[in-house]
Protein backbone atom coordinates (compact mmCIF):
# COMPACT_ATOMS: atom_id res chain seq x y z
CA MET A 1 -256.62 225.07 182.90
CA ILE A 2 -256.20 225.39 179.01
CA GLU A 3 -252.90 227.26 179.65
CA LEU A 4 -251.65 224.38 181.77
CA ILE A 5 -252.70 221.79 179.14
CA LYS A 6 -250.93 223.98 176.23
CA HIS A 7 -247.81 223.96 178.51
CA PHE A 8 -248.03 220.31 178.98
CA LEU A 9 -248.38 219.59 175.37
CA ILE A 10 -245.50 221.84 174.58
CA LEU A 11 -243.10 220.28 176.88
CA TYR A 12 -244.39 216.58 176.33
CA THR A 13 -243.76 217.32 172.41
CA GLY A 14 -240.35 218.83 173.12
CA LEU A 15 -239.32 216.01 175.36
CA PHE A 16 -240.57 213.39 173.00
CA ALA A 17 -238.49 215.01 170.20
CA ILE A 18 -235.22 215.19 172.45
CA THR A 19 -235.58 211.86 174.01
CA ASN A 20 -236.58 210.14 170.76
CA PRO A 21 -237.59 206.95 171.90
CA VAL A 22 -238.36 205.65 168.47
CA GLY A 23 -234.97 206.37 167.43
CA ALA A 24 -233.54 204.37 170.26
CA VAL A 25 -235.52 201.30 169.08
CA PRO A 26 -232.41 199.95 167.07
CA VAL A 27 -229.98 200.42 169.92
CA PHE A 28 -232.44 198.66 172.49
CA LEU A 29 -232.77 195.84 170.11
CA SER A 30 -228.95 195.55 169.61
CA VAL A 31 -228.11 195.32 173.19
CA THR A 32 -230.99 192.86 174.05
CA HIS A 33 -230.57 190.82 171.03
CA ASP A 34 -230.15 187.47 172.88
CA LEU A 35 -232.56 188.00 175.78
CA SER A 36 -236.03 186.71 176.14
CA ARG A 37 -239.30 188.61 175.60
CA SER A 38 -239.86 188.91 179.29
CA GLN A 39 -236.32 190.03 179.90
CA ARG A 40 -236.78 192.78 177.29
CA ARG A 41 -239.83 194.06 179.05
CA GLU A 42 -238.12 194.03 182.34
CA ILE A 43 -235.45 196.28 180.94
CA ALA A 44 -238.05 198.49 179.09
CA LYS A 45 -239.69 198.97 182.53
CA LYS A 46 -236.49 199.59 184.45
CA THR A 47 -235.27 201.92 181.58
CA ALA A 48 -238.46 204.01 181.91
CA ILE A 49 -238.51 204.29 185.63
CA THR A 50 -234.70 205.34 185.43
CA VAL A 51 -235.70 207.96 183.08
CA VAL A 52 -238.45 209.47 184.80
CA VAL A 53 -236.49 209.47 188.24
CA THR A 54 -233.44 211.13 186.44
CA LEU A 55 -235.52 213.75 184.86
CA ILE A 56 -237.65 214.48 187.96
CA THR A 57 -234.68 214.78 190.08
CA PHE A 58 -232.76 217.28 187.77
CA ALA A 59 -235.96 219.25 187.43
CA LEU A 60 -236.32 219.47 191.25
CA ILE A 61 -232.75 220.25 192.11
CA GLY A 62 -232.16 222.65 189.01
CA GLN A 63 -232.55 225.81 190.65
CA TRP A 64 -230.18 224.81 193.34
CA ILE A 65 -227.59 223.77 190.57
CA PHE A 66 -228.04 227.26 189.07
CA LYS A 67 -227.44 229.05 192.55
CA PHE A 68 -224.39 226.91 193.39
CA PHE A 69 -222.64 227.54 189.95
CA GLY A 70 -223.75 231.26 189.97
CA SER A 71 -225.37 230.70 186.69
CA SER A 72 -228.49 232.50 185.46
CA THR A 73 -231.41 230.69 183.73
CA ASP A 74 -230.79 232.91 180.64
CA ALA A 75 -227.13 231.75 180.29
CA PHE A 76 -228.25 228.26 180.71
CA ALA A 77 -230.75 228.54 178.15
CA ILE A 78 -228.22 229.84 175.66
CA ALA A 79 -225.89 227.01 176.48
CA GLY A 80 -228.73 224.39 176.49
CA GLY A 81 -229.98 225.89 173.16
CA ILE A 82 -226.54 225.44 171.37
CA LEU A 83 -226.33 221.83 172.87
CA LEU A 84 -229.89 221.02 171.37
CA PHE A 85 -229.17 222.64 168.10
CA ARG A 86 -226.06 220.37 167.69
CA MET A 87 -228.28 217.33 168.45
CA ALA A 88 -230.95 218.48 166.24
CA MET A 89 -228.37 218.90 163.21
CA GLU A 90 -227.04 215.27 163.78
CA MET A 91 -230.80 214.02 163.98
CA LEU A 92 -231.71 215.74 160.82
CA SER A 93 -229.14 213.50 159.01
CA GLY A 94 -230.99 210.72 160.24
CA LYS A 95 -228.65 209.51 162.96
CA LEU A 96 -228.81 209.48 166.72
CA SER A 97 -226.81 212.21 168.35
CA THR A 98 -223.37 211.48 169.41
CA ILE A 99 -223.87 213.61 172.22
CA LYS A 100 -226.09 210.96 173.68
CA ILE A 101 -224.29 207.74 172.61
CA SER A 102 -221.69 206.89 170.08
CA GLN A 103 -221.66 203.68 167.83
CA GLU A 104 -218.64 202.31 169.53
CA GLU A 105 -220.55 202.54 173.11
CA THR A 106 -223.50 200.68 171.40
CA GLU A 107 -221.18 197.75 170.17
CA GLU A 108 -219.41 197.69 173.57
CA PHE A 109 -222.53 197.16 175.51
CA SER A 110 -223.85 194.54 172.89
CA GLU A 111 -220.70 192.49 173.19
CA GLU A 112 -220.19 192.72 176.95
CA VAL A 113 -221.89 190.44 179.64
CA VAL A 114 -223.85 192.74 181.81
CA THR A 115 -226.86 192.47 184.18
CA LEU A 116 -230.56 193.64 183.23
CA GLU A 117 -230.14 196.82 185.57
CA GLU A 118 -226.90 197.68 183.94
CA VAL A 119 -228.18 197.62 180.60
CA ALA A 120 -231.53 199.41 181.66
CA ILE A 121 -229.63 202.17 183.25
CA ILE A 122 -226.65 202.60 181.11
CA PRO A 123 -226.76 202.88 178.24
CA LEU A 124 -230.39 202.83 177.48
CA ALA A 125 -231.95 205.50 180.17
CA ILE A 126 -228.80 207.36 180.46
CA PRO A 127 -227.47 208.77 178.20
CA LEU A 128 -229.55 207.38 175.19
CA ILE A 129 -233.00 208.62 176.29
CA SER A 130 -232.45 211.13 179.28
CA GLY A 131 -229.31 212.57 178.01
CA PRO A 132 -227.95 216.14 178.44
CA GLY A 133 -230.55 217.74 176.14
CA ALA A 134 -233.63 216.33 178.22
CA ILE A 135 -231.91 217.14 181.46
CA THR A 136 -231.24 220.69 180.34
CA THR A 137 -234.89 221.11 178.93
CA VAL A 138 -236.51 220.23 182.09
CA MET A 139 -234.27 222.06 184.26
CA LEU A 140 -235.09 225.13 182.33
CA TYR A 141 -238.82 224.70 182.11
CA THR A 142 -238.90 224.29 185.83
CA ALA A 143 -236.81 227.36 186.68
CA LYS A 144 -239.23 229.25 183.99
CA SER A 145 -242.32 227.77 185.78
CA THR A 146 -243.53 230.66 188.29
CA SER A 147 -246.41 228.68 189.88
CA LEU A 148 -246.90 225.23 191.45
CA PRO A 149 -249.39 224.04 188.82
CA GLU A 150 -246.74 224.84 186.15
CA LYS A 151 -244.16 222.74 187.98
CA VAL A 152 -246.57 219.94 188.46
CA THR A 153 -247.38 220.15 184.62
CA VAL A 154 -243.48 219.64 184.05
CA ILE A 155 -243.48 216.69 186.42
CA ALA A 156 -246.59 215.20 184.48
CA SER A 157 -245.01 215.69 181.18
CA ILE A 158 -241.90 213.70 182.51
CA VAL A 159 -244.07 210.96 183.78
CA ALA A 160 -245.95 210.88 180.32
CA ILE A 161 -242.57 210.31 178.56
CA GLY A 162 -241.58 207.65 180.85
CA LEU A 163 -244.88 205.85 179.89
CA THR A 164 -244.20 206.59 176.26
CA VAL A 165 -240.70 205.10 176.56
CA LEU A 166 -242.24 201.96 178.09
CA LEU A 167 -244.72 201.53 175.55
CA VAL A 168 -242.09 202.04 172.58
CA LEU A 169 -239.52 199.72 174.01
CA CYS A 170 -242.07 197.00 174.82
CA SER A 171 -243.31 197.24 171.16
CA ALA A 172 -239.69 197.53 169.62
CA ASN A 173 -239.90 194.60 167.60
CA ARG A 174 -243.25 195.60 165.98
CA ILE A 175 -241.87 199.20 165.56
CA LYS A 176 -238.85 198.09 163.73
CA ALA A 177 -241.13 195.70 161.50
CA LYS A 178 -243.70 198.20 160.52
CA LEU A 179 -241.29 201.29 160.00
CA GLY A 180 -237.93 199.58 159.03
CA ARG A 181 -234.62 201.42 159.18
CA VAL A 182 -235.87 204.07 156.70
CA GLY A 183 -238.96 204.68 158.73
CA ILE A 184 -237.05 205.23 161.88
CA LYS A 185 -234.46 207.45 160.12
CA VAL A 186 -237.68 209.56 158.80
CA MET A 187 -238.99 209.80 162.37
CA THR A 188 -235.51 210.84 163.75
CA ARG A 189 -235.31 213.57 161.08
CA MET A 190 -238.84 214.70 162.07
CA MET A 191 -237.78 214.98 165.65
CA GLY A 192 -234.73 216.66 164.71
CA LEU A 193 -236.59 219.39 162.75
CA ILE A 194 -238.88 219.97 165.92
CA LEU A 195 -235.83 220.06 168.15
CA THR A 196 -234.13 222.66 165.74
CA SER A 197 -237.01 225.14 166.20
CA MET A 198 -236.87 224.58 169.95
CA ALA A 199 -233.23 225.13 170.14
CA VAL A 200 -233.29 228.35 168.32
CA GLN A 201 -236.25 229.67 170.29
CA MET A 202 -234.23 228.76 173.53
CA ILE A 203 -231.24 230.70 172.49
CA ILE A 204 -233.34 233.81 171.62
CA ASN A 205 -235.24 233.64 174.69
CA GLY A 206 -231.92 233.53 176.62
CA ILE A 207 -230.36 236.33 174.77
CA LYS A 208 -233.46 238.53 175.14
CA GLY A 209 -233.62 237.68 178.96
CA ALA A 210 -229.67 238.15 179.44
CA PHE A 211 -229.67 241.67 177.55
CA GLY A 212 -233.09 242.90 178.67
CA LEU A 213 -234.59 243.10 175.28
């Protein structure tokens, strides 16, 4: 039980750093600036649900994807580590990773007339929160899980991230008021530091597995 709790906390912390819901607050407020409080809550709810569904789907089908493309988990770990490392470098500078969403895309969605469902799914849930980094991570952790309890722990951590996303987005105005731009950038840098160590460890594990070290 203690090992499962430790496994859950490690994965939850990693996913929190990768999804970085606090860093997504400015984008959320930008694309929902002309909406009412109830509409923002509805978008936050749909965004959280989309994040959970997306990550659980890839966690469950990850092994079939590996088999279909003939890729080993070690090779995927190296590629995923490189991807996460690039994201981390951008986050360490206090910016949202362009691997997730660019400034041009944010401005485009804030100017267009779109439905609540469209805003919640794209760009908020995908790729801003549950982007390539998060998808890669859940696929790898599920593939590395050797028992059913461990796989359930991965699913539980995804659900916990979904609840965290919901809480953060529903409190977006208060978070921005409390932290401000500087505070959000500091949080983003902290998440980038955690993500850097995860990326390096992922690459090391991949190399060890690939070469039998």
